[in-house]
PDB file of N, CA and C in Angstrom:
ATOM      1  N   MET A   1       0.832  -1.190   0.000  1.00  0.00           N
ATOM      2  CA  MET A   1       0.000   0.000   0.000  1.00  0.00           C
ATOM      3  C   MET A   1       0.872   1.247   0.000  1.00  0.00           C
ATOM      4  N   ASN A   2       0.377   2.305  -0.617  1.00  0.00           N
ATOM      5  CA  ASN A   2       1.150   3.536  -0.577  1.00  0.00           C
ATOM      6  C   ASN A   2       0.811   4.331   0.681  1.00  0.00           C
ATOM      7  N   VAL A   3       1.716   5.207   1.036  1.00  0.00           N
ATOM      8  CA  VAL A   3       1.607   5.952   2.284  1.00  0.00           C
ATOM      9  C   VAL A   3       0.366   6.830   2.320  1.00  0.00           C
ATOM     10  N   GLU A   4       0.079   7.520   1.222  1.00  0.00           N
ATOM     11  CA  GLU A   4      -1.094   8.408   1.192  1.00  0.00           C
ATOM     12  C   GLU A   4      -2.384   7.635   1.472  1.00  0.00           C
ATOM     13  N   HIS A   5      -2.490   6.452   0.878  1.00  0.00           N
ATOM     14  CA  HIS A   5      -3.681   5.633   1.082  1.00  0.00           C
ATOM     15  C   HIS A   5      -3.787   5.189   2.540  1.00  0.00           C
ATOM     16  N   GLU A   6      -2.666   4.776   3.124  1.00  0.00           N
ATOM     17  CA  GLU A   6      -2.689   4.348   4.527  1.00  0.00           C
ATOM     18  C   GLU A   6      -3.051   5.506   5.443  1.00  0.00           C
ATOM     19  N   VAL A   7      -2.564   6.708   5.142  1.00  0.00           N
ATOM     20  CA  VAL A   7      -2.898   7.872   5.960  1.00  0.00           C
ATOM     21  C   VAL A   7      -4.393   8.174   5.858  1.00  0.00           C
ATOM     22  N   GLU A   8      -4.963   8.053   4.666  1.00  0.00           N
ATOM     23  CA  GLU A   8      -6.411   8.242   4.498  1.00  0.00           C
ATOM     24  C   GLU A   8      -7.188   7.236   5.339  1.00  0.00           C
ATOM     25  N   LEU A   9      -6.748   5.988   5.330  1.00  0.00           N
ATOM     26  CA  LEU A   9      -7.406   4.957   6.148  1.00  0.00           C
ATOM     27  C   LEU A   9      -7.272   5.276   7.626  1.00  0.00           C
ATOM     28  N   LEU A  10      -6.105   5.781   8.029  1.00  0.00           N
ATOM     29  CA  LEU A  10      -5.879   6.152   9.425  1.00  0.00           C
ATOM     30  C   LEU A  10      -6.851   7.245   9.859  1.00  0.00           C
ATOM     31  N   VAL A  11      -7.062   8.234   9.011  1.00  0.00           N
ATOM     32  CA  VAL A  11      -7.997   9.319   9.317  1.00  0.00           C
ATOM     33  C   VAL A  11      -9.395   8.747   9.556  1.00  0.00           C
ATOM     34  N   GLU A  12      -9.815   7.818   8.707  1.00  0.00           N
ATOM     35  CA  GLU A  12     -11.135   7.199   8.869  1.00  0.00           C
ATOM     36  C   GLU A  12     -11.243   6.432  10.187  1.00  0.00           C
ATOM     37  N   GLU A  13     -10.195   5.733  10.550  1.00  0.00           N
ATOM     38  CA  GLU A  13     -10.220   4.955  11.803  1.00  0.00           C
ATOM     39  C   GLU A  13     -10.204   5.873  13.021  1.00  0.00           C
ATOM     40  N   ILE A  14      -9.481   6.974  12.960  1.00  0.00           N
ATOM     41  CA  ILE A  14      -9.488   7.925  14.070  1.00  0.00           C
ATOM     42  C   ILE A  14     -10.880   8.524  14.224  1.00  0.00           C
ATOM     43  N   LYS A  15     -11.533   8.829  13.114  1.00  0.00           N
ATOM     44  CA  LYS A  15     -12.913   9.348  13.174  1.00  0.00           C
ATOM     45  C   LYS A  15     -13.850   8.311  13.779  1.00  0.00           C
ATOM     46  N   ARG A  16     -13.646   7.033  13.420  1.00  0.00           N
ATOM     47  CA  ARG A  16     -14.517   5.966  13.926  1.00  0.00           C
ATOM     48  C   ARG A  16     -14.324   5.745  15.428  1.00  0.00           C
ATOM     49  N   LEU A  17     -13.083   5.772  15.889  1.00  0.00           N
ATOM     50  CA  LEU A  17     -12.781   5.413  17.276  1.00  0.00           C
ATOM     51  C   LEU A  17     -12.693   6.605  18.221  1.00  0.00           C
ATOM     52  N   GLY A  18     -12.463   7.792  17.669  1.00  0.00           N
ATOM     53  CA  GLY A  18     -12.211   8.960  18.509  1.00  0.00           C
ATOM     54  C   GLY A  18     -13.465   9.685  18.942  1.00  0.00           C
ATOM     55  N   THR A  19     -13.225  10.704  19.732  1.00  0.00           N
ATOM     56  CA  THR A  19     -14.304  11.568  20.196  1.00  0.00           C
ATOM     57  C   THR A  19     -13.936  13.013  19.874  1.00  0.00           C
ATOM     58  N   GLU A  20     -14.954  13.810  19.590  1.00  0.00           N
ATOM     59  CA  GLU A  20     -14.743  15.212  19.251  1.00  0.00           C
ATOM     60  C   GLU A  20     -14.676  16.041  20.515  1.00  0.00           C
ATOM     61  N   GLY A  21     -13.613  16.823  20.613  1.00  0.00           N
ATOM     62  CA  GLY A  21     -13.432  17.693  21.775  1.00  0.00           C
ATOM     63  C   GLY A  21     -14.142  19.009  21.600  1.00  0.00           C
ATOM     64  N   GLU A  22     -14.044  19.859  22.615  1.00  0.00           N
ATOM     65  CA  GLU A  22     -14.677  21.173  22.567  1.00  0.00           C
ATOM     66  C   GLU A  22     -14.098  22.043  21.458  1.00  0.00           C
ATOM     67  N   ASP A  23     -12.849  21.751  21.082  1.00  0.00           N
ATOM     68  CA  ASP A  23     -12.196  22.524  20.021  1.00  0.00           C
ATOM     69  C   ASP A  23     -12.561  22.023  18.626  1.00  0.00           C
ATOM     70  N   GLY A  24     -13.378  20.956  18.564  1.00  0.00           N
ATOM     71  CA  GLY A  24     -13.819  20.416  17.284  1.00  0.00           C
ATOM     72  C   GLY A  24     -12.882  19.382  16.700  1.00  0.00           C
ATOM     73  N   LYS A  25     -11.754  19.136  17.361  1.00  0.00           N
ATOM     74  CA  LYS A  25     -10.787  18.152  16.874  1.00  0.00           C
ATOM     75  C   LYS A  25     -11.109  16.780  17.442  1.00  0.00           C
ATOM     76  N   ILE A  26     -10.906  15.767  16.633  1.00  0.00           N
ATOM     77  CA  ILE A  26     -11.182  14.394  17.051  1.00  0.00           C
ATOM     78  C   ILE A  26      -9.903  13.805  17.644  1.00  0.00           C
ATOM     79  N   THR A  27     -10.045  13.191  18.812  1.00  0.00           N
ATOM     80  CA  THR A  27      -8.921  12.639  19.554  1.00  0.00           C
ATOM     81  C   THR A  27      -9.204  11.184  19.909  1.00  0.00           C
ATOM     82  N   VAL A  28      -8.145  10.366  19.828  1.00  0.00           N
ATOM     83  CA  VAL A  28      -8.234   8.972  20.240  1.00  0.00           C
ATOM     84  C   VAL A  28      -6.929   8.613  20.941  1.00  0.00           C
ATOM     85  N   LYS A  29      -7.011   7.762  21.936  1.00  0.00           N
ATOM     86  CA  LYS A  29      -5.809   7.290  22.628  1.00  0.00           C
ATOM     87  C   LYS A  29      -5.067   6.310  21.721  1.00  0.00           C
ATOM     88  N   PHE A  30      -3.736   6.360  21.763  1.00  0.00           N
ATOM     89  CA  PHE A  30      -2.927   5.462  20.953  1.00  0.00           C
ATOM     90  C   PHE A  30      -3.249   3.998  21.268  1.00  0.00           C
ATOM     91  N   GLY A  31      -3.457   3.682  22.536  1.00  0.00           N
ATOM     92  CA  GLY A  31      -3.764   2.305  22.935  1.00  0.00           C
ATOM     93  C   GLY A  31      -5.052   1.795  22.310  1.00  0.00           C
ATOM     94  N   VAL A  32      -6.031   2.675  22.167  1.00  0.00           N
ATOM     95  CA  VAL A  32      -7.307   2.294  21.538  1.00  0.00           C
ATOM     96  C   VAL A  32      -7.068   1.950  20.068  1.00  0.00           C
ATOM     97  N   LEU A  33      -6.303   2.802  19.386  1.00  0.00           N
ATOM     98  CA  LEU A  33      -5.976   2.535  17.977  1.00  0.00           C
ATOM     99  C   LEU A  33      -5.200   1.229  17.840  1.00  0.00           C
ATOM    100  N   PHE A  34      -4.188   1.073  18.678  1.00  0.00           N
ATOM    101  CA  PHE A  34      -3.286  -0.068  18.556  1.00  0.00           C
ATOM    102  C   PHE A  34      -4.002  -1.388  18.840  1.00  0.00           C
ATOM    103  N   CYS A  35      -4.917  -1.383  19.795  1.00  0.00           N
ATOM    104  CA  CYS A  35      -5.578  -2.627  20.203  1.00  0.00           C
ATOM    105  C   CYS A  35      -6.847  -2.941  19.416  1.00  0.00           C
ATOM    106  N   ASP A  36      -7.292  -2.026  18.569  1.00  0.00           N
ATOM    107  CA  ASP A  36      -8.503  -2.247  17.784  1.00  0.00           C
ATOM    108  C   ASP A  36      -8.258  -3.322  16.717  1.00  0.00           C
ATOM    109  N   THR A  37      -9.125  -4.307  16.656  1.00  0.00           N
ATOM    110  CA  THR A  37      -8.978  -5.422  15.723  1.00  0.00           C
ATOM    111  C   THR A  37      -9.002  -4.956  14.272  1.00  0.00           C
ATOM    112  N   ARG A  38      -9.908  -4.058  13.954  1.00  0.00           N
ATOM    113  CA  ARG A  38     -10.000  -3.573  12.572  1.00  0.00           C
ATOM    114  C   ARG A  38      -8.702  -2.854  12.161  1.00  0.00           C
ATOM    115  N   CYS A  39      -8.174  -2.017  13.051  1.00  0.00           N
ATOM    116  CA  CYS A  39      -6.910  -1.322  12.760  1.00  0.00           C
ATOM    117  C   CYS A  39      -5.765  -2.318  12.595  1.00  0.00           C
ATOM    118  N   ALA A  40      -5.752  -3.331  13.428  1.00  0.00           N
ATOM    119  CA  ALA A  40      -4.693  -4.343  13.332  1.00  0.00           C
ATOM    120  C   ALA A  40      -4.734  -5.046  11.980  1.00  0.00           C
ATOM    121  N   ASN A  41      -5.928  -5.237  11.436  1.00  0.00           N
ATOM    122  CA  ASN A  41      -6.060  -5.886  10.136  1.00  0.00           C
ATOM    123  C   ASN A  41      -5.719  -4.953   8.969  1.00  0.00           C
ATOM    124  N   ILE A  42      -5.914  -3.653   9.161  1.00  0.00           N
ATOM    125  CA  ILE A  42      -5.664  -2.685   8.092  1.00  0.00           C
ATOM    126  C   ILE A  42      -4.195  -2.296   8.019  1.00  0.00           C
ATOM    127  N   PHE A  43      -3.608  -1.986   9.170  1.00  0.00           N
ATOM    128  CA  PHE A  43      -2.268  -1.390   9.198  1.00  0.00           C
ATOM    129  C   PHE A  43      -1.198  -2.416   9.549  1.00  0.00           C
ATOM    130  N   GLU A  44      -0.289  -2.601   8.613  1.00  0.00           N
ATOM    131  CA  GLU A  44       0.850  -3.486   8.860  1.00  0.00           C
ATOM    132  C   GLU A  44       1.813  -2.815   9.830  1.00  0.00           C
ATOM    133  N   ALA A  45       1.947  -1.504   9.704  1.00  0.00           N
ATOM    134  CA  ALA A  45       2.853  -0.738  10.560  1.00  0.00           C
ATOM    135  C   ALA A  45       2.146   0.537  11.016  1.00  0.00           C
ATOM    136  N   LEU A  46       1.298   0.415  12.028  1.00  0.00           N
ATOM    137  CA  LEU A  46       0.517   1.552  12.521  1.00  0.00           C
ATOM    138  C   LEU A  46       1.420   2.701  12.948  1.00  0.00           C
ATOM    139  N   VAL A  47       2.492   2.391  13.649  1.00  0.00           N
ATOM    140  CA  VAL A  47       3.394   3.432  14.146  1.00  0.00           C
ATOM    141  C   VAL A  47       4.010   4.205  12.981  1.00  0.00           C
ATOM    142  N   GLY A  48       4.402   3.514  11.932  1.00  0.00           N
ATOM    143  CA  GLY A  48       4.964   4.171  10.758  1.00  0.00           C
ATOM    144  C   GLY A  48       3.943   5.051  10.064  1.00  0.00           C
ATOM    145  N   THR A  49       2.707   4.587   9.986  1.00  0.00           N
ATOM    146  CA  THR A  49       1.638   5.371   9.374  1.00  0.00           C
ATOM    147  C   THR A  49       1.359   6.620  10.205  1.00  0.00           C
ATOM    148  N   LEU A  50       1.369   6.486  11.528  1.00  0.00           N
ATOM    149  CA  LEU A  50       1.169   7.640  12.400  1.00  0.00           C
ATOM    150  C   LEU A  50       2.292   8.667  12.221  1.00  0.00           C
ATOM    151  N   ARG A  51       3.525   8.198  12.117  1.00  0.00           N
ATOM    152  CA  ARG A  51       4.654   9.117  11.921  1.00  0.00           C
ATOM    153  C   ARG A  51       4.534   9.852  10.591  1.00  0.00           C
ATOM    154  N   ALA A  52       4.132   9.133   9.540  1.00  0.00           N
ATOM    155  CA  ALA A  52       3.953   9.768   8.227  1.00  0.00           C
ATOM    156  C   ALA A  52       2.846  10.811   8.285  1.00  0.00           C
ATOM    157  N   ALA A  53       1.751  10.494   8.973  1.00  0.00           N
ATOM    158  CA  ALA A  53       0.636  11.438   9.103  1.00  0.00           C
ATOM    159  C   ALA A  53       1.049  12.657   9.922  1.00  0.00           C
ATOM    160  N   LYS A  54       1.899  12.455  10.918  1.00  0.00           N
ATOM    161  CA  LYS A  54       2.378  13.581  11.721  1.00  0.00           C
ATOM    162  C   LYS A  54       3.277  14.487  10.880  1.00  0.00           C
ATOM    163  N   ARG A  55       4.151  13.901  10.069  1.00  0.00           N
ATOM    164  CA  ARG A  55       5.023  14.697   9.198  1.00  0.00           C
ATOM    165  C   ARG A  55       4.201  15.543   8.221  1.00  0.00           C
ATOM    166  N   LYS A  56       3.053  15.009   7.794  1.00  0.00           N
ATOM    167  CA  LYS A  56       2.180  15.729   6.865  1.00  0.00           C
ATOM    168  C   LYS A  56       1.222  16.671   7.599  1.00  0.00           C
ATOM    169  N   LYS A  57       1.359  16.721   8.931  1.00  0.00           N
ATOM    170  CA  LYS A  57       0.529  17.571   9.797  1.00  0.00           C
ATOM    171  C   LYS A  57      -0.960  17.233   9.720  1.00  0.00           C
ATOM    172  N   ILE A  58      -1.247  15.948   9.545  1.00  0.00           N
ATOM    173  CA  ILE A  58      -2.627  15.465   9.519  1.00  0.00           C
ATOM    174  C   ILE A  58      -3.059  15.061  10.921  1.00  0.00           C
ATOM    175  N   VAL A  59      -2.114  14.523  11.685  1.00  0.00           N
ATOM    176  CA  VAL A  59      -2.353  14.198  13.094  1.00  0.00           C
ATOM    177  C   VAL A  59      -1.240  14.821  13.922  1.00  0.00           C
ATOM    178  N   ASP A  60      -1.483  14.890  15.232  1.00  0.00           N
ATOM    179  CA  ASP A  60      -0.456  15.358  16.148  1.00  0.00           C
ATOM    180  C   ASP A  60      -0.501  14.498  17.398  1.00  0.00           C
ATOM    181  N   PHE A  61       0.662  14.283  17.977  1.00  0.00           N
ATOM    182  CA  PHE A  61       0.791  13.577  19.247  1.00  0.00           C
ATOM    183  C   PHE A  61       2.119  13.969  19.859  1.00  0.00           C
ATOM    184  N   LYS A  62       2.232  13.778  21.172  1.00  0.00           N
ATOM    185  CA  LYS A  62       3.475  14.125  21.872  1.00  0.00           C
ATOM    186  C   LYS A  62       4.546  13.096  21.537  1.00  0.00           C
ATOM    187  N   GLY A  63       5.736  13.587  21.273  1.00  0.00           N
ATOM    188  CA  GLY A  63       6.863  12.707  20.993  1.00  0.00           C
ATOM    189  C   GLY A  63       6.989  12.404  19.511  1.00  0.00           C
ATOM    190  N   GLU A  64       7.996  11.610  19.198  1.00  0.00           N
ATOM    191  CA  GLU A  64       8.270  11.229  17.814  1.00  0.00           C
ATOM    192  C   GLU A  64       7.776   9.826  17.499  1.00  0.00           C
ATOM    193  N   LEU A  65       7.830   8.950  18.485  1.00  0.00           N
ATOM    194  CA  LEU A  65       7.528   7.533  18.280  1.00  0.00           C
ATOM    195  C   LEU A  65       6.631   7.046  19.404  1.00  0.00           C
ATOM    196  N   LEU A  66       5.578   6.329  19.047  1.00  0.00           N
ATOM    197  CA  LEU A  66       4.672   5.778  20.054  1.00  0.00           C
ATOM    198  C   LEU A  66       4.873   4.275  20.141  1.00  0.00           C
ATOM    199  N   LEU A  67       4.976   3.775  21.368  1.00  0.00           N
ATOM    200  CA  LEU A  67       5.164   2.348  21.590  1.00  0.00           C
ATOM    201  C   LEU A  67       4.000   1.794  22.388  1.00  0.00           C
ATOM    202  N   GLN A  68       3.513   0.635  21.977  1.00  0.00           N
ATOM    203  CA  GLN A  68       2.386  -0.011  22.648  1.00  0.00           C
ATOM    204  C   GLN A  68       2.767  -0.303  24.090  1.00  0.00           C
ATOM    205  N   GLY A  69       1.838  -0.046  24.989  1.00  0.00           N
ATOM    206  CA  GLY A  69       2.076  -0.257  26.407  1.00  0.00           C
ATOM    207  C   GLY A  69       2.565   1.023  27.062  1.00  0.00           C
ATOM    208  N   VAL A  70       3.717   1.504  26.644  1.00  0.00           N
ATOM    209  CA  VAL A  70       4.321   2.700  27.225  1.00  0.00           C
ATOM    210  C   VAL A  70       3.509   3.952  26.917  1.00  0.00           C
ATOM    211  N   HIS A  71       3.006   4.055  25.689  1.00  0.00           N
ATOM    212  CA  HIS A  71       2.323   5.263  25.234  1.00  0.00           C
ATOM    213  C   HIS A  71       0.825   5.054  24.979  1.00  0.00           C
ATOM    214  N   ASP A  72       0.229   4.059  25.590  1.00  0.00           N
ATOM    215  CA  ASP A  72      -1.196   3.787  25.360  1.00  0.00           C
ATOM    216  C   ASP A  72      -2.102   4.960  25.694  1.00  0.00           C
ATOM    217  N   ASP A  73      -1.690   5.805  26.641  1.00  0.00           N
ATOM    218  CA  ASP A  73      -2.518   6.921  27.076  1.00  0.00           C
ATOM    219  C   ASP A  73      -2.255   8.225  26.322  1.00  0.00           C
ATOM    220  N   VAL A  74      -1.397   8.183  25.321  1.00  0.00           N
ATOM    221  CA  VAL A  74      -1.076   9.391  24.549  1.00  0.00           C
ATOM    222  C   VAL A  74      -2.215   9.675  23.565  1.00  0.00           C
ATOM    223  N   ASP A  75      -2.627  10.943  23.525  1.00  0.00           N
ATOM    224  CA  ASP A  75      -3.683  11.365  22.613  1.00  0.00           C
ATOM    225  C   ASP A  75      -3.136  11.529  21.200  1.00  0.00           C
ATOM    226  N   VAL A  76      -3.855  10.965  20.225  1.00  0.00           N
ATOM    227  CA  VAL A  76      -3.594  11.193  18.818  1.00  0.00           C
ATOM    228  C   VAL A  76      -4.710  12.102  18.344  1.00  0.00           C
ATOM    229  N   VAL A  77      -4.344  13.297  17.880  1.00  0.00           N
ATOM    230  CA  VAL A  77      -5.325  14.330  17.548  1.00  0.00           C
ATOM    231  C   VAL A  77      -5.350  14.547  16.037  1.00  0.00           C
ATOM    232  N   LEU A  78      -6.540  14.454  15.475  1.00  0.00           N
ATOM    233  CA  LEU A  78      -6.730  14.723  14.053  1.00  0.00           C
ATOM    234  C   LEU A  78      -6.748  16.226  13.859  1.00  0.00           C
ATOM    235  N   GLN A  79      -5.887  16.737  13.015  1.00  0.00           N
ATOM    236  CA  GLN A  79      -5.731  18.197  12.823  1.00  0.00           C
ATOM    237  C   GLN A  79      -6.744  18.756  11.856  1.00  0.00           C
TER     238      GLN A  79
END
């Protein structure tokens, strides 16, 4: 799969799993994304897709790299 397509799929999954905040931005915890069965079936490398989306300023999260377990509580925010 190409990166642009995976980022588009990521946006759809964040919309499906996330909640809209008072600022209108949709947020989901990294652990929710990582542990979701549908996401696991779609994304071969979720962390890589998240990093690509962050570089394109489509999503934002604290840090450069998210690791399952350690960063489960980190918010992934759709920009």
